[in-house]
């Protein structure tokens, strides 16, 4: 395969707005970075932030009620 001089660069973070399915109203925003997960509810001025390690520990703790999915 030929060598290319240019390549696509992956985004440094992922940003998504979340809306309520029934009404379409904004619910909040989530940003995912390689080291941090950030959450901002609608109408909030600042994000809540947690390290990726803290998030992984929390989400895999049985007390959260989170479950594994098949996808």
PDB file of N, CA and C in Angstrom:
ATOM      1  N   UNK A   1       0.844  -1.179   0.000  1.00  0.00           N
ATOM      2  CA  UNK A   1       0.000   0.000   0.000  1.00  0.00           C
ATOM      3  C   UNK A   1       0.888   1.240   0.000  1.00  0.00           C
ATOM      4  N   UNK A   2       0.457   2.270  -0.675  1.00  0.00           N
ATOM      5  CA  UNK A   2       1.243   3.496  -0.802  1.00  0.00           C
ATOM      6  C   UNK A   2       1.274   4.274   0.508  1.00  0.00           C
ATOM      7  N   UNK A   3       2.381   4.941   0.756  1.00  0.00           N
ATOM      8  CA  UNK A   3       2.496   5.833   1.911  1.00  0.00           C
ATOM      9  C   UNK A   3       1.827   7.153   1.567  1.00  0.00           C
ATOM     10  N   UNK A   4       1.098   7.731   2.531  1.00  0.00           N
ATOM     11  CA  UNK A   4       0.420   8.994   2.324  1.00  0.00           C
ATOM     12  C   UNK A   4       1.110  10.090   3.113  1.00  0.00           C
ATOM     13  N   UNK A   5       1.092  11.299   2.579  1.00  0.00           N
ATOM     14  CA  UNK A   5       1.708  12.436   3.253  1.00  0.00           C
ATOM     15  C   UNK A   5       0.817  13.021   4.336  1.00  0.00           C
ATOM     16  N   UNK A   6      -0.488  12.789   4.249  1.00  0.00           N
ATOM     17  CA  UNK A   6      -1.437  13.365   5.188  1.00  0.00           C
ATOM     18  C   UNK A   6      -2.332  12.280   5.761  1.00  0.00           C
ATOM     19  N   UNK A   7      -2.912  12.564   6.906  1.00  0.00           N
ATOM     20  CA  UNK A   7      -3.850  11.613   7.502  1.00  0.00           C
ATOM     21  C   UNK A   7      -4.895  12.369   8.307  1.00  0.00           C
ATOM     22  N   UNK A   8      -6.011  11.712   8.572  1.00  0.00           N
ATOM     23  CA  UNK A   8      -7.036  12.293   9.415  1.00  0.00           C
ATOM     24  C   UNK A   8      -6.579  12.212  10.868  1.00  0.00           C
ATOM     25  N   UNK A   9      -6.973  13.205  11.640  1.00  0.00           N
ATOM     26  CA  UNK A   9      -6.640  13.231  13.059  1.00  0.00           C
ATOM     27  C   UNK A   9      -7.930  13.002  13.841  1.00  0.00           C
ATOM     28  N   UNK A  10      -7.863  12.089  14.791  1.00  0.00           N
ATOM     29  CA  UNK A  10      -9.029  11.817  15.630  1.00  0.00           C
ATOM     30  C   UNK A  10      -9.316  13.020  16.520  1.00  0.00           C
ATOM     31  N   UNK A  11     -10.578  13.228  16.879  1.00  0.00           N
ATOM     32  CA  UNK A  11     -10.881  14.360  17.761  1.00  0.00           C
ATOM     33  C   UNK A  11     -10.227  14.197  19.129  1.00  0.00           C
ATOM     34  N   UNK A  12      -9.894  15.303  19.751  1.00  0.00           N
ATOM     35  CA  UNK A  12      -9.265  15.293  21.074  1.00  0.00           C
ATOM     36  C   UNK A  12     -10.293  15.017  22.161  1.00  0.00           C
ATOM     37  N   UNK A  13     -11.579  15.233  21.841  1.00  0.00           N
ATOM     38  CA  UNK A  13     -12.653  14.966  22.783  1.00  0.00           C
ATOM     39  C   UNK A  13     -13.935  14.719  22.009  1.00  0.00           C
ATOM     40  N   UNK A  14     -14.901  14.158  22.684  1.00  0.00           N
ATOM     41  CA  UNK A  14     -16.218  13.941  22.101  1.00  0.00           C
ATOM     42  C   UNK A  14     -17.200  14.807  22.868  1.00  0.00           C
ATOM     43  N   UNK A  15     -18.016  15.573  22.155  1.00  0.00           N
ATOM     44  CA  UNK A  15     -19.021  16.446  22.771  1.00  0.00           C
ATOM     45  C   UNK A  15     -20.388  16.047  22.233  1.00  0.00           C
ATOM     46  N   UNK A  16     -21.332  15.862  23.131  1.00  0.00           N
ATOM     47  CA  UNK A  16     -22.685  15.518  22.719  1.00  0.00           C
ATOM     48  C   UNK A  16     -23.701  16.258  23.568  1.00  0.00           C
ATOM     49  N   UNK A  17     -24.747  16.760  22.933  1.00  0.00           N
ATOM     50  CA  UNK A  17     -25.887  17.331  23.635  1.00  0.00           C
ATOM     51  C   UNK A  17     -26.904  16.208  23.797  1.00  0.00           C
ATOM     52  N   UNK A  18     -27.551  16.158  24.949  1.00  0.00           N
ATOM     53  CA  UNK A  18     -28.528  15.116  25.228  1.00  0.00           C
ATOM     54  C   UNK A  18     -29.889  15.784  25.413  1.00  0.00           C
ATOM     55  N   UNK A  19     -30.903  15.231  24.733  1.00  0.00           N
ATOM     56  CA  UNK A  19     -32.255  15.764  24.847  1.00  0.00           C
ATOM     57  C   UNK A  19     -33.195  14.686  25.361  1.00  0.00           C
ATOM     58  N   UNK A  20     -34.333  15.129  25.898  1.00  0.00           N
ATOM     59  CA  UNK A  20     -35.360  14.194  26.338  1.00  0.00           C
ATOM     60  C   UNK A  20     -36.099  13.691  25.102  1.00  0.00           C
ATOM     61  N   UNK A  21     -36.214  12.380  24.966  1.00  0.00           N
ATOM     62  CA  UNK A  21     -36.802  11.784  23.776  1.00  0.00           C
ATOM     63  C   UNK A  21     -38.252  12.221  23.566  1.00  0.00           C
ATOM     64  N   UNK A  22     -39.041  12.223  24.632  1.00  0.00           N
ATOM     65  CA  UNK A  22     -40.465  12.521  24.499  1.00  0.00           C
ATOM     66  C   UNK A  22     -40.729  13.952  24.066  1.00  0.00           C
ATOM     67  N   UNK A  23     -40.045  14.895  24.692  1.00  0.00           N
ATOM     68  CA  UNK A  23     -40.348  16.307  24.459  1.00  0.00           C
ATOM     69  C   UNK A  23     -39.336  17.023  23.570  1.00  0.00           C
ATOM     70  N   UNK A  24     -38.160  16.452  23.408  1.00  0.00           N
ATOM     71  CA  UNK A  24     -37.113  17.119  22.645  1.00  0.00           C
ATOM     72  C   UNK A  24     -36.416  18.228  23.416  1.00  0.00           C
ATOM     73  N   UNK A  25     -36.770  18.383  24.695  1.00  0.00           N
ATOM     74  CA  UNK A  25     -36.146  19.419  25.526  1.00  0.00           C
ATOM     75  C   UNK A  25     -34.699  19.051  25.830  1.00  0.00           C
ATOM     76  N   UNK A  26     -33.825  20.045  25.930  1.00  0.00           N
ATOM     77  CA  UNK A  26     -32.433  19.763  26.310  1.00  0.00           C
ATOM     78  C   UNK A  26     -32.361  19.184  27.716  1.00  0.00           C
ATOM     79  N   UNK A  27     -31.470  18.216  27.902  1.00  0.00           N
ATOM     80  CA  UNK A  27     -31.269  17.604  29.219  1.00  0.00           C
ATOM     81  C   UNK A  27     -29.902  17.973  29.787  1.00  0.00           C
ATOM     82  N   UNK A  28     -28.901  18.056  28.912  1.00  0.00           N
ATOM     83  CA  UNK A  28     -27.557  18.405  29.354  1.00  0.00           C
ATOM     84  C   UNK A  28     -26.545  18.139  28.258  1.00  0.00           C
ATOM     85  N   UNK A  29     -25.288  18.276  28.621  1.00  0.00           N
ATOM     86  CA  UNK A  29     -24.186  18.033  27.687  1.00  0.00           C
ATOM     87  C   UNK A  29     -23.151  17.149  28.357  1.00  0.00           C
ATOM     88  N   UNK A  30     -22.543  16.274  27.558  1.00  0.00           N
ATOM     89  CA  UNK A  30     -21.474  15.421  28.057  1.00  0.00           C
ATOM     90  C   UNK A  30     -20.259  15.609  27.160  1.00  0.00           C
ATOM     91  N   UNK A  31     -19.094  15.654  27.791  1.00  0.00           N
ATOM     92  CA  UNK A  31     -17.824  15.732  27.061  1.00  0.00           C
ATOM     93  C   UNK A  31     -16.952  14.590  27.568  1.00  0.00           C
ATOM     94  N   UNK A  32     -16.364  13.869  26.654  1.00  0.00           N
ATOM     95  CA  UNK A  32     -15.496  12.757  27.022  1.00  0.00           C
ATOM     96  C   UNK A  32     -14.118  13.030  26.444  1.00  0.00           C
ATOM     97  N   UNK A  33     -13.146  13.102  27.331  1.00  0.00           N
ATOM     98  CA  UNK A  33     -11.757  13.316  26.947  1.00  0.00           C
ATOM     99  C   UNK A  33     -10.975  12.057  27.303  1.00  0.00           C
ATOM    100  N   UNK A  34      -9.757  11.908  26.835  1.00  0.00           N
ATOM    101  CA  UNK A  34      -8.984  10.708  27.157  1.00  0.00           C
ATOM    102  C   UNK A  34      -8.754  10.495  28.653  1.00  0.00           C
ATOM    103  N   UNK A  35      -8.815  11.562  29.448  1.00  0.00           N
ATOM    104  CA  UNK A  35      -8.552  11.406  30.879  1.00  0.00           C
ATOM    105  C   UNK A  35      -9.707  11.851  31.769  1.00  0.00           C
ATOM    106  N   UNK A  36     -10.782  12.414  31.182  1.00  0.00           N
ATOM    107  CA  UNK A  36     -11.830  13.036  31.984  1.00  0.00           C
ATOM    108  C   UNK A  36     -13.208  12.845  31.350  1.00  0.00           C
ATOM    109  N   UNK A  37     -14.226  12.729  32.206  1.00  0.00           N
ATOM    110  CA  UNK A  37     -15.625  12.747  31.770  1.00  0.00           C
ATOM    111  C   UNK A  37     -16.256  13.979  32.409  1.00  0.00           C
ATOM    112  N   UNK A  38     -16.920  14.812  31.593  1.00  0.00           N
ATOM    113  CA  UNK A  38     -17.536  16.042  32.086  1.00  0.00           C
ATOM    114  C   UNK A  38     -19.032  16.028  31.793  1.00  0.00           C
ATOM    115  N   UNK A  39     -19.833  16.529  32.731  1.00  0.00           N
ATOM    116  CA  UNK A  39     -21.288  16.594  32.593  1.00  0.00           C
ATOM    117  C   UNK A  39     -21.769  17.977  32.999  1.00  0.00           C
ATOM    118  N   UNK A  40     -22.671  18.550  32.178  1.00  0.00           N
ATOM    119  CA  UNK A  40     -23.267  19.848  32.498  1.00  0.00           C
ATOM    120  C   UNK A  40     -24.767  19.752  32.270  1.00  0.00           C
ATOM    121  N   UNK A  41     -25.559  19.862  33.343  1.00  0.00           N
ATOM    122  CA  UNK A  41     -27.014  19.884  33.161  1.00  0.00           C
ATOM    123  C   UNK A  41     -27.437  21.138  32.396  1.00  0.00           C
ATOM    124  N   UNK A  42     -28.596  21.093  31.772  1.00  0.00           N
ATOM    125  CA  UNK A  42     -29.129  22.257  31.076  1.00  0.00           C
ATOM    126  C   UNK A  42     -29.225  23.434  32.042  1.00  0.00           C
ATOM    127  N   UNK A  43     -28.897  24.588  31.563  1.00  0.00           N
ATOM    128  CA  UNK A  43     -28.920  25.858  32.304  1.00  0.00           C
ATOM    129  C   UNK A  43     -27.799  26.002  33.334  1.00  0.00           C
ATOM    130  N   UNK A  44     -26.941  25.028  33.465  1.00  0.00           N
ATOM    131  CA  UNK A  44     -25.799  25.152  34.373  1.00  0.00           C
ATOM    132  C   UNK A  44     -24.696  25.933  33.667  1.00  0.00           C
ATOM    133  N   UNK A  45     -23.904  26.649  34.441  1.00  0.00           N
ATOM    134  CA  UNK A  45     -22.819  27.440  33.874  1.00  0.00           C
ATOM    135  C   UNK A  45     -21.537  26.637  33.692  1.00  0.00           C
ATOM    136  N   UNK A  46     -21.301  25.681  34.596  1.00  0.00           N
ATOM    137  CA  UNK A  46     -20.043  24.946  34.574  1.00  0.00           C
ATOM    138  C   UNK A  46     -20.293  23.441  34.538  1.00  0.00           C
ATOM    139  N   UNK A  47     -19.278  22.724  34.056  1.00  0.00           N
ATOM    140  CA  UNK A  47     -19.322  21.263  33.997  1.00  0.00           C
ATOM    141  C   UNK A  47     -18.931  20.642  35.332  1.00  0.00           C
ATOM    142  N   UNK A  48     -19.494  19.477  35.617  1.00  0.00           N
ATOM    143  CA  UNK A  48     -18.993  18.605  36.672  1.00  0.00           C
ATOM    144  C   UNK A  48     -17.932  17.734  36.010  1.00  0.00           C
ATOM    145  N   UNK A  49     -16.849  17.446  36.716  1.00  0.00           N
ATOM    146  CA  UNK A  49     -15.739  16.715  36.124  1.00  0.00           C
ATOM    147  C   UNK A  49     -15.292  15.576  37.029  1.00  0.00           C
ATOM    148  N   UNK A  50     -14.943  14.462  36.418  1.00  0.00           N
ATOM    149  CA  UNK A  50     -14.409  13.318  37.151  1.00  0.00           C
ATOM    150  C   UNK A  50     -13.357  12.651  36.253  1.00  0.00           C
ATOM    151  N   UNK A  51     -12.305  12.141  36.867  1.00  0.00           N
ATOM    152  CA  UNK A  51     -11.272  11.479  36.064  1.00  0.00           C
ATOM    153  C   UNK A  51     -11.836  10.188  35.476  1.00  0.00           C
ATOM    154  N   UNK A  52     -11.251   9.743  34.405  1.00  0.00           N
ATOM    155  CA  UNK A  52     -11.691   8.504  33.777  1.00  0.00           C
ATOM    156  C   UNK A  52     -11.540   7.323  34.733  1.00  0.00           C
ATOM    157  N   UNK A  53     -10.486   7.327  35.543  1.00  0.00           N
ATOM    158  CA  UNK A  53     -10.274   6.254  36.520  1.00  0.00           C
ATOM    159  C   UNK A  53     -11.385   6.238  37.567  1.00  0.00           C
ATOM    160  N   UNK A  54     -11.756   7.435  38.075  1.00  0.00           N
ATOM    161  CA  UNK A  54     -12.840   7.518  39.055  1.00  0.00           C
ATOM    162  C   UNK A  54     -14.166   7.069  38.448  1.00  0.00           C
ATOM    163  N   UNK A  55     -14.419   7.467  37.200  1.00  0.00           N
ATOM    164  CA  UNK A  55     -15.640   7.055  36.524  1.00  0.00           C
ATOM    165  C   UNK A  55     -15.680   5.540  36.360  1.00  0.00           C
ATOM    166  N   UNK A  56     -14.574   4.939  35.928  1.00  0.00           N
ATOM    167  CA  UNK A  56     -14.520   3.488  35.729  1.00  0.00           C
ATOM    168  C   UNK A  56     -14.757   2.751  37.048  1.00  0.00           C
ATOM    169  N   UNK A  57     -14.170   3.238  38.127  1.00  0.00           N
ATOM    170  CA  UNK A  57     -14.372   2.626  39.443  1.00  0.00           C
ATOM    171  C   UNK A  57     -15.834   2.731  39.860  1.00  0.00           C
ATOM    172  N   UNK A  58     -16.430   3.903  39.657  1.00  0.00           N
ATOM    173  CA  UNK A  58     -17.820   4.112  40.046  1.00  0.00           C
ATOM    174  C   UNK A  58     -18.779   3.255  39.218  1.00  0.00           C
ATOM    175  N   UNK A  59     -18.639   3.266  37.896  1.00  0.00           N
ATOM    176  CA  UNK A  59     -19.609   2.594  37.030  1.00  0.00           C
ATOM    177  C   UNK A  59     -19.551   1.078  37.170  1.00  0.00           C
ATOM    178  N   UNK A  60     -18.401   0.532  37.547  1.00  0.00           N
ATOM    179  CA  UNK A  60     -18.284  -0.921  37.695  1.00  0.00           C
ATOM    180  C   UNK A  60     -18.597  -1.406  39.112  1.00  0.00           C
ATOM    181  N   UNK A  61     -18.843  -0.481  40.036  1.00  0.00           N
ATOM    182  CA  UNK A  61     -19.207  -0.855  41.400  1.00  0.00           C
ATOM    183  C   UNK A  61     -20.633  -1.418  41.401  1.00  0.00           C
ATOM    184  N   UNK A  62     -20.875  -2.570  42.006  1.00  0.00           N
ATOM    185  CA  UNK A  62     -22.199  -3.171  42.004  1.00  0.00           C
ATOM    186  C   UNK A  62     -23.292  -2.271  42.606  1.00  0.00           C
ATOM    187  N   UNK A  63     -22.930  -1.382  43.511  1.00  0.00           N
ATOM    188  CA  UNK A  63     -23.932  -0.539  44.154  1.00  0.00           C
ATOM    189  C   UNK A  63     -24.560   0.477  43.213  1.00  0.00           C
ATOM    190  N   UNK A  64     -23.957   0.748  42.058  1.00  0.00           N
ATOM    191  CA  UNK A  64     -24.539   1.715  41.117  1.00  0.00           C
ATOM    192  C   UNK A  64     -25.722   1.130  40.366  1.00  0.00           C
ATOM    193  N   UNK A  65     -25.791  -0.184  40.283  1.00  0.00           N
ATOM    194  CA  UNK A  65     -26.870  -0.814  39.531  1.00  0.00           C
ATOM    195  C   UNK A  65     -26.613  -0.831  38.030  1.00  0.00           C
ATOM    196  N   UNK A  66     -25.442  -0.364  37.598  1.00  0.00           N
ATOM    197  CA  UNK A  66     -25.105  -0.412  36.178  1.00  0.00           C
ATOM    198  C   UNK A  66     -24.941  -1.867  35.763  1.00  0.00           C
ATOM    199  N   UNK A  67     -25.328  -2.171  34.537  1.00  0.00           N
ATOM    200  CA  UNK A  67     -25.188  -3.548  34.046  1.00  0.00           C
ATOM    201  C   UNK A  67     -24.441  -3.560  32.725  1.00  0.00           C
ATOM    202  N   UNK A  68     -23.847  -4.673  32.431  1.00  0.00           N
ATOM    203  CA  UNK A  68     -23.107  -4.845  31.187  1.00  0.00           C
ATOM    204  C   UNK A  68     -24.094  -5.082  30.051  1.00  0.00           C
ATOM    205  N   UNK A  69     -23.758  -4.590  28.880  1.00  0.00           N
ATOM    206  CA  UNK A  69     -24.621  -4.757  27.715  1.00  0.00           C
ATOM    207  C   UNK A  69     -23.891  -5.557  26.637  1.00  0.00           C
ATOM    208  N   UNK A  70     -24.622  -6.088  25.709  1.00  0.00           N
ATOM    209  CA  UNK A  70     -24.045  -6.965  24.704  1.00  0.00           C
ATOM    210  C   UNK A  70     -23.441  -6.286  23.505  1.00  0.00           C
ATOM    211  N   UNK A  71     -23.495  -4.958  23.429  1.00  0.00           N
ATOM    212  CA  UNK A  71     -22.958  -4.306  22.240  1.00  0.00           C
ATOM    213  C   UNK A  71     -21.553  -4.019  22.431  1.00  0.00           C
TER     214      UNK A  71
END
